[in-house]
């Protein structure tokens, strides 16, 4: 008989990994590494329709990976350092420990 083991932080990790699971969103993160950019610059660089770009920016912002600010009619986006650090931490938690992992055999778990 097996029981599910609750893994801490899985909800946060799932939200963050979902946000970076798309090529367009990864491209946006890469473009914002050098600093804040206007949404019009991002749209031009990606050749993306405004509605499609808005969707991807919202996913990243909702995950806490981006910040935005309005200046007049323009919106400027930048990476949220705390969100990026949280993503890095979530990835590090998946890394196996340095010690050798025990090889399990079928007879070790299920009857």
N, C-alpha and C. Protein backbone atom coordinates (compact mmCIF):
# COMPACT_ATOMS: atom_id res chain seq x y z
N UNK A 1 0.85 -1.17 0.00
CA UNK A 1 0.00 0.00 0.00
C UNK A 1 0.89 1.23 0.00
N UNK A 2 0.66 2.14 -0.92
CA UNK A 2 1.48 3.35 -0.98
C UNK A 2 0.63 4.54 -0.58
N UNK A 3 1.31 5.55 -0.06
CA UNK A 3 0.60 6.78 0.29
C UNK A 3 1.31 7.94 -0.39
N UNK A 4 0.54 8.94 -0.77
CA UNK A 4 1.11 10.11 -1.42
C UNK A 4 1.88 10.92 -0.39
N UNK A 5 3.02 11.42 -0.79
CA UNK A 5 3.85 12.25 0.08
C UNK A 5 3.69 13.69 -0.38
N UNK A 6 3.30 14.55 0.52
CA UNK A 6 3.17 15.97 0.19
C UNK A 6 4.56 16.59 0.07
N UNK A 7 4.80 17.24 -1.02
CA UNK A 7 6.08 17.91 -1.25
C UNK A 7 5.87 19.40 -1.04
N UNK A 8 6.63 20.00 -0.12
CA UNK A 8 6.44 21.43 0.14
C UNK A 8 6.69 22.27 -1.11
N UNK A 9 5.98 23.34 -1.21
CA UNK A 9 6.20 24.35 -2.25
C UNK A 9 5.81 23.90 -3.66
N UNK A 10 5.08 22.80 -3.80
CA UNK A 10 4.74 22.33 -5.15
C UNK A 10 3.81 23.29 -5.88
N UNK A 11 2.92 23.93 -5.17
CA UNK A 11 2.00 24.88 -5.81
C UNK A 11 2.78 26.05 -6.39
N UNK A 12 3.69 26.59 -5.62
CA UNK A 12 4.52 27.70 -6.08
C UNK A 12 5.38 27.26 -7.26
N UNK A 13 6.02 26.12 -7.13
CA UNK A 13 6.88 25.62 -8.21
C UNK A 13 6.08 25.41 -9.49
N UNK A 14 4.90 24.83 -9.38
CA UNK A 14 4.07 24.58 -10.57
C UNK A 14 3.70 25.89 -11.25
N UNK A 15 3.34 26.90 -10.45
CA UNK A 15 2.99 28.21 -11.01
C UNK A 15 4.18 28.83 -11.74
N UNK A 16 5.34 28.76 -11.14
CA UNK A 16 6.54 29.35 -11.74
C UNK A 16 6.98 28.58 -12.98
N UNK A 17 6.99 27.26 -12.90
CA UNK A 17 7.43 26.47 -14.05
C UNK A 17 6.44 26.59 -15.21
N UNK A 18 5.16 26.69 -14.89
CA UNK A 18 4.18 26.92 -15.96
C UNK A 18 4.48 28.24 -16.67
N UNK A 19 4.80 29.26 -15.89
CA UNK A 19 5.06 30.59 -16.47
C UNK A 19 6.25 30.57 -17.43
N UNK A 20 7.23 29.73 -17.18
CA UNK A 20 8.41 29.71 -18.06
C UNK A 20 8.39 28.53 -19.03
N UNK A 21 7.24 27.89 -19.17
CA UNK A 21 7.16 26.71 -20.03
C UNK A 21 6.81 27.04 -21.48
N UNK A 22 6.92 28.28 -21.85
CA UNK A 22 6.57 28.71 -23.19
C UNK A 22 7.74 29.50 -23.79
N UNK A 23 8.05 29.25 -25.06
CA UNK A 23 9.17 29.93 -25.72
C UNK A 23 9.02 31.44 -25.74
N UNK A 24 7.81 31.92 -25.97
CA UNK A 24 7.60 33.37 -26.00
C UNK A 24 7.88 33.98 -24.64
N UNK A 25 7.41 33.32 -23.59
CA UNK A 25 7.64 33.86 -22.25
C UNK A 25 9.12 33.80 -21.88
N UNK A 26 9.79 32.75 -22.29
CA UNK A 26 11.25 32.70 -22.05
C UNK A 26 11.96 33.81 -22.82
N UNK A 27 11.51 34.08 -24.04
CA UNK A 27 12.11 35.17 -24.82
C UNK A 27 11.88 36.51 -24.14
N UNK A 28 10.70 36.72 -23.58
CA UNK A 28 10.42 37.95 -22.86
C UNK A 28 11.35 38.11 -21.65
N UNK A 29 11.52 37.05 -20.89
CA UNK A 29 12.42 37.10 -19.74
C UNK A 29 13.83 37.44 -20.20
N UNK A 30 14.26 36.80 -21.26
CA UNK A 30 15.61 37.07 -21.78
C UNK A 30 15.75 38.54 -22.21
N UNK A 31 14.74 39.06 -22.88
CA UNK A 31 14.78 40.45 -23.35
C UNK A 31 14.81 41.44 -22.19
N UNK A 32 14.22 41.07 -21.07
CA UNK A 32 14.14 41.98 -19.93
C UNK A 32 15.34 41.85 -18.97
N UNK A 33 16.26 40.95 -19.27
CA UNK A 33 17.43 40.77 -18.42
C UNK A 33 18.27 42.04 -18.33
N UNK A 34 18.28 42.83 -19.40
CA UNK A 34 19.10 44.04 -19.43
C UNK A 34 18.37 45.26 -18.88
N UNK A 35 17.13 45.09 -18.45
CA UNK A 35 16.40 46.20 -17.86
C UNK A 35 15.02 46.38 -18.45
N UNK A 36 14.36 47.39 -17.96
CA UNK A 36 12.99 47.71 -18.30
C UNK A 36 12.82 47.99 -19.80
N UNK A 37 11.67 47.53 -20.34
CA UNK A 37 11.36 47.79 -21.74
C UNK A 37 9.87 48.11 -21.88
N UNK A 38 9.60 48.98 -22.80
CA UNK A 38 8.22 49.36 -23.11
C UNK A 38 7.55 48.20 -23.83
N UNK A 39 6.26 48.04 -23.59
CA UNK A 39 5.51 46.97 -24.22
C UNK A 39 5.59 47.07 -25.75
N UNK A 40 5.67 48.29 -26.27
CA UNK A 40 5.76 48.43 -27.73
C UNK A 40 7.09 47.88 -28.25
N UNK A 41 8.17 48.04 -27.48
CA UNK A 41 9.47 47.47 -27.87
C UNK A 41 9.41 45.95 -27.88
N UNK A 42 8.77 45.39 -26.87
CA UNK A 42 8.65 43.94 -26.79
C UNK A 42 7.81 43.40 -27.95
N UNK A 43 6.75 44.11 -28.26
CA UNK A 43 5.89 43.69 -29.36
C UNK A 43 6.64 43.72 -30.69
N UNK A 44 7.39 44.79 -30.92
CA UNK A 44 8.17 44.90 -32.16
C UNK A 44 9.23 43.81 -32.24
N UNK A 45 9.94 43.59 -31.15
CA UNK A 45 11.03 42.60 -31.15
C UNK A 45 10.52 41.19 -31.39
N UNK A 46 9.35 40.88 -30.87
CA UNK A 46 8.80 39.53 -31.02
C UNK A 46 7.91 39.39 -32.25
N UNK A 47 7.50 40.51 -32.83
CA UNK A 47 6.56 40.45 -33.94
C UNK A 47 5.25 39.82 -33.52
N UNK A 48 4.85 40.09 -32.29
CA UNK A 48 3.66 39.46 -31.73
C UNK A 48 2.47 40.40 -31.76
N UNK A 49 1.31 39.83 -31.95
CA UNK A 49 0.08 40.61 -31.85
C UNK A 49 -0.08 41.09 -30.41
N UNK A 50 -0.70 42.25 -30.26
CA UNK A 50 -0.85 42.85 -28.93
C UNK A 50 -1.59 41.92 -27.97
N UNK A 51 -2.64 41.28 -28.42
CA UNK A 51 -3.42 40.40 -27.54
C UNK A 51 -2.59 39.20 -27.08
N UNK A 52 -1.82 38.62 -27.99
CA UNK A 52 -0.98 37.47 -27.65
C UNK A 52 0.10 37.88 -26.67
N UNK A 53 0.73 39.02 -26.91
CA UNK A 53 1.78 39.50 -26.01
C UNK A 53 1.21 39.81 -24.63
N UNK A 54 0.05 40.44 -24.59
CA UNK A 54 -0.59 40.76 -23.31
C UNK A 54 -0.85 39.51 -22.49
N UNK A 55 -1.29 38.45 -23.15
CA UNK A 55 -1.54 37.18 -22.46
C UNK A 55 -0.25 36.68 -21.80
N UNK A 56 0.84 36.64 -22.57
CA UNK A 56 2.10 36.12 -22.04
C UNK A 56 2.65 37.01 -20.92
N UNK A 57 2.54 38.31 -21.07
CA UNK A 57 3.00 39.22 -20.03
C UNK A 57 2.18 39.03 -18.75
N UNK A 58 0.88 38.81 -18.91
CA UNK A 58 0.03 38.60 -17.73
C UNK A 58 0.41 37.31 -17.01
N UNK A 59 0.69 36.24 -17.75
CA UNK A 59 1.09 34.98 -17.12
C UNK A 59 2.37 35.20 -16.29
N UNK A 60 3.34 35.88 -16.88
CA UNK A 60 4.60 36.14 -16.17
C UNK A 60 4.39 37.05 -14.96
N UNK A 61 3.56 38.05 -15.12
CA UNK A 61 3.29 38.97 -14.02
C UNK A 61 2.53 38.25 -12.90
N UNK A 62 1.52 37.47 -13.24
CA UNK A 62 0.75 36.74 -12.24
C UNK A 62 1.62 35.75 -11.47
N UNK A 63 2.65 35.23 -12.12
CA UNK A 63 3.58 34.31 -11.46
C UNK A 63 4.59 35.05 -10.58
N UNK A 64 4.58 36.37 -10.66
CA UNK A 64 5.50 37.17 -9.85
C UNK A 64 6.86 37.36 -10.48
N UNK A 65 7.00 37.04 -11.76
CA UNK A 65 8.30 37.14 -12.43
C UNK A 65 8.53 38.50 -13.06
N UNK A 66 7.46 39.26 -13.29
CA UNK A 66 7.57 40.58 -13.90
C UNK A 66 6.89 41.63 -13.04
N UNK A 67 7.38 42.85 -13.18
CA UNK A 67 6.73 44.03 -12.62
C UNK A 67 6.41 44.95 -13.78
N UNK A 68 5.41 45.79 -13.59
CA UNK A 68 5.11 46.76 -14.64
C UNK A 68 4.84 48.12 -14.01
N UNK A 69 4.96 49.13 -14.83
CA UNK A 69 4.60 50.48 -14.40
C UNK A 69 4.07 51.22 -15.62
N UNK A 70 3.13 52.11 -15.36
CA UNK A 70 2.55 52.91 -16.43
C UNK A 70 3.18 54.29 -16.43
N UNK A 71 3.41 54.76 -17.62
CA UNK A 71 3.88 56.13 -17.80
C UNK A 71 3.09 56.69 -18.98
N UNK A 72 2.12 57.53 -18.67
CA UNK A 72 1.23 58.01 -19.72
C UNK A 72 0.44 56.85 -20.28
N UNK A 73 0.46 56.70 -21.58
CA UNK A 73 -0.29 55.60 -22.20
C UNK A 73 0.56 54.34 -22.39
N UNK A 74 1.82 54.39 -22.00
CA UNK A 74 2.72 53.25 -22.19
C UNK A 74 2.90 52.46 -20.91
N UNK A 75 3.13 51.17 -21.08
CA UNK A 75 3.40 50.28 -19.95
C UNK A 75 4.82 49.74 -20.12
N UNK A 76 5.59 49.81 -19.06
CA UNK A 76 6.97 49.34 -19.06
C UNK A 76 7.06 48.11 -18.16
N UNK A 77 7.77 47.09 -18.65
CA UNK A 77 7.93 45.85 -17.90
C UNK A 77 9.39 45.65 -17.53
N UNK A 78 9.58 45.01 -16.39
CA UNK A 78 10.92 44.65 -15.93
C UNK A 78 10.83 43.35 -15.15
N UNK A 79 11.97 42.69 -15.01
CA UNK A 79 12.00 41.46 -14.22
C UNK A 79 11.84 41.81 -12.75
N UNK A 80 11.14 40.98 -12.04
CA UNK A 80 11.01 41.09 -10.59
C UNK A 80 12.09 40.19 -9.99
N UNK A 81 13.13 40.79 -9.42
CA UNK A 81 14.27 40.03 -8.90
C UNK A 81 13.84 38.99 -7.87
N UNK A 82 12.87 39.33 -7.03
CA UNK A 82 12.40 38.37 -6.02
C UNK A 82 11.73 37.17 -6.69
N UNK A 83 10.96 37.42 -7.73
CA UNK A 83 10.29 36.33 -8.44
C UNK A 83 11.28 35.42 -9.16
N UNK A 84 12.31 36.02 -9.76
CA UNK A 84 13.34 35.23 -10.44
C UNK A 84 14.11 34.40 -9.41
N UNK A 85 14.38 34.97 -8.25
CA UNK A 85 15.06 34.23 -7.18
C UNK A 85 14.19 33.06 -6.70
N UNK A 86 12.89 33.28 -6.63
CA UNK A 86 11.96 32.22 -6.22
C UNK A 86 11.95 31.09 -7.26
N UNK A 87 12.02 31.44 -8.54
CA UNK A 87 12.09 30.43 -9.60
C UNK A 87 13.38 29.62 -9.47
N UNK A 88 14.48 30.32 -9.23
CA UNK A 88 15.77 29.63 -9.06
C UNK A 88 15.72 28.68 -7.86
N UNK A 89 15.14 29.14 -6.78
CA UNK A 89 15.03 28.32 -5.57
C UNK A 89 14.17 27.08 -5.83
N UNK A 90 13.09 27.24 -6.58
CA UNK A 90 12.22 26.11 -6.90
C UNK A 90 12.98 25.07 -7.73
N UNK A 91 13.81 25.54 -8.66
CA UNK A 91 14.60 24.62 -9.48
C UNK A 91 15.66 23.92 -8.63
N UNK A 92 16.29 24.64 -7.74
CA UNK A 92 17.32 24.06 -6.89
C UNK A 92 16.74 22.96 -6.00
N UNK A 93 15.50 23.16 -5.52
CA UNK A 93 14.87 22.14 -4.66
C UNK A 93 14.66 20.82 -5.39
N UNK A 94 14.66 20.84 -6.71
CA UNK A 94 14.49 19.61 -7.48
C UNK A 94 15.80 18.84 -7.66
N UNK A 95 16.89 19.52 -7.46
CA UNK A 95 18.20 18.91 -7.67
C UNK A 95 18.44 17.83 -6.61
N UNK A 96 18.87 16.64 -7.05
CA UNK A 96 19.13 15.58 -6.08
C UNK A 96 20.34 15.95 -5.21
N UNK A 97 20.39 15.43 -3.99
CA UNK A 97 21.54 15.72 -3.13
C UNK A 97 22.82 15.14 -3.74
N UNK A 98 23.93 15.66 -3.30
CA UNK A 98 25.22 15.20 -3.85
C UNK A 98 25.51 13.74 -3.52
N UNK A 99 25.01 13.29 -2.40
CA UNK A 99 25.28 11.89 -2.04
C UNK A 99 24.67 10.97 -3.08
N UNK A 100 25.23 9.82 -3.20
CA UNK A 100 24.74 8.87 -4.20
C UNK A 100 23.30 8.48 -3.89
N UNK A 101 22.48 8.46 -4.92
CA UNK A 101 21.10 8.04 -4.75
C UNK A 101 21.03 6.52 -4.74
N UNK A 102 20.24 6.00 -3.84
CA UNK A 102 20.07 4.57 -3.73
C UNK A 102 19.24 4.07 -4.91
N UNK A 103 19.67 3.03 -5.52
CA UNK A 103 18.93 2.42 -6.62
C UNK A 103 17.86 1.53 -6.01
N UNK A 104 16.62 1.77 -6.42
CA UNK A 104 15.52 0.98 -5.90
C UNK A 104 15.22 -0.18 -6.83
N UNK A 105 14.87 -1.25 -6.26
CA UNK A 105 14.49 -2.43 -7.01
C UNK A 105 12.99 -2.64 -6.84
N UNK A 106 12.38 -3.30 -7.79
CA UNK A 106 10.94 -3.52 -7.75
C UNK A 106 10.50 -4.14 -6.41
N UNK A 107 11.32 -4.97 -5.85
CA UNK A 107 10.96 -5.63 -4.60
C UNK A 107 10.99 -4.69 -3.40
N UNK A 108 11.55 -3.46 -3.58
CA UNK A 108 11.66 -2.51 -2.48
C UNK A 108 10.37 -1.75 -2.19
N UNK A 109 9.42 -1.73 -3.13
CA UNK A 109 8.30 -0.84 -2.90
C UNK A 109 6.93 -1.48 -3.00
N UNK A 110 6.69 -2.27 -3.93
CA UNK A 110 5.32 -2.75 -4.18
C UNK A 110 5.22 -4.25 -3.95
N UNK A 111 4.12 -4.64 -3.36
CA UNK A 111 3.91 -6.07 -3.12
C UNK A 111 3.13 -6.67 -4.26
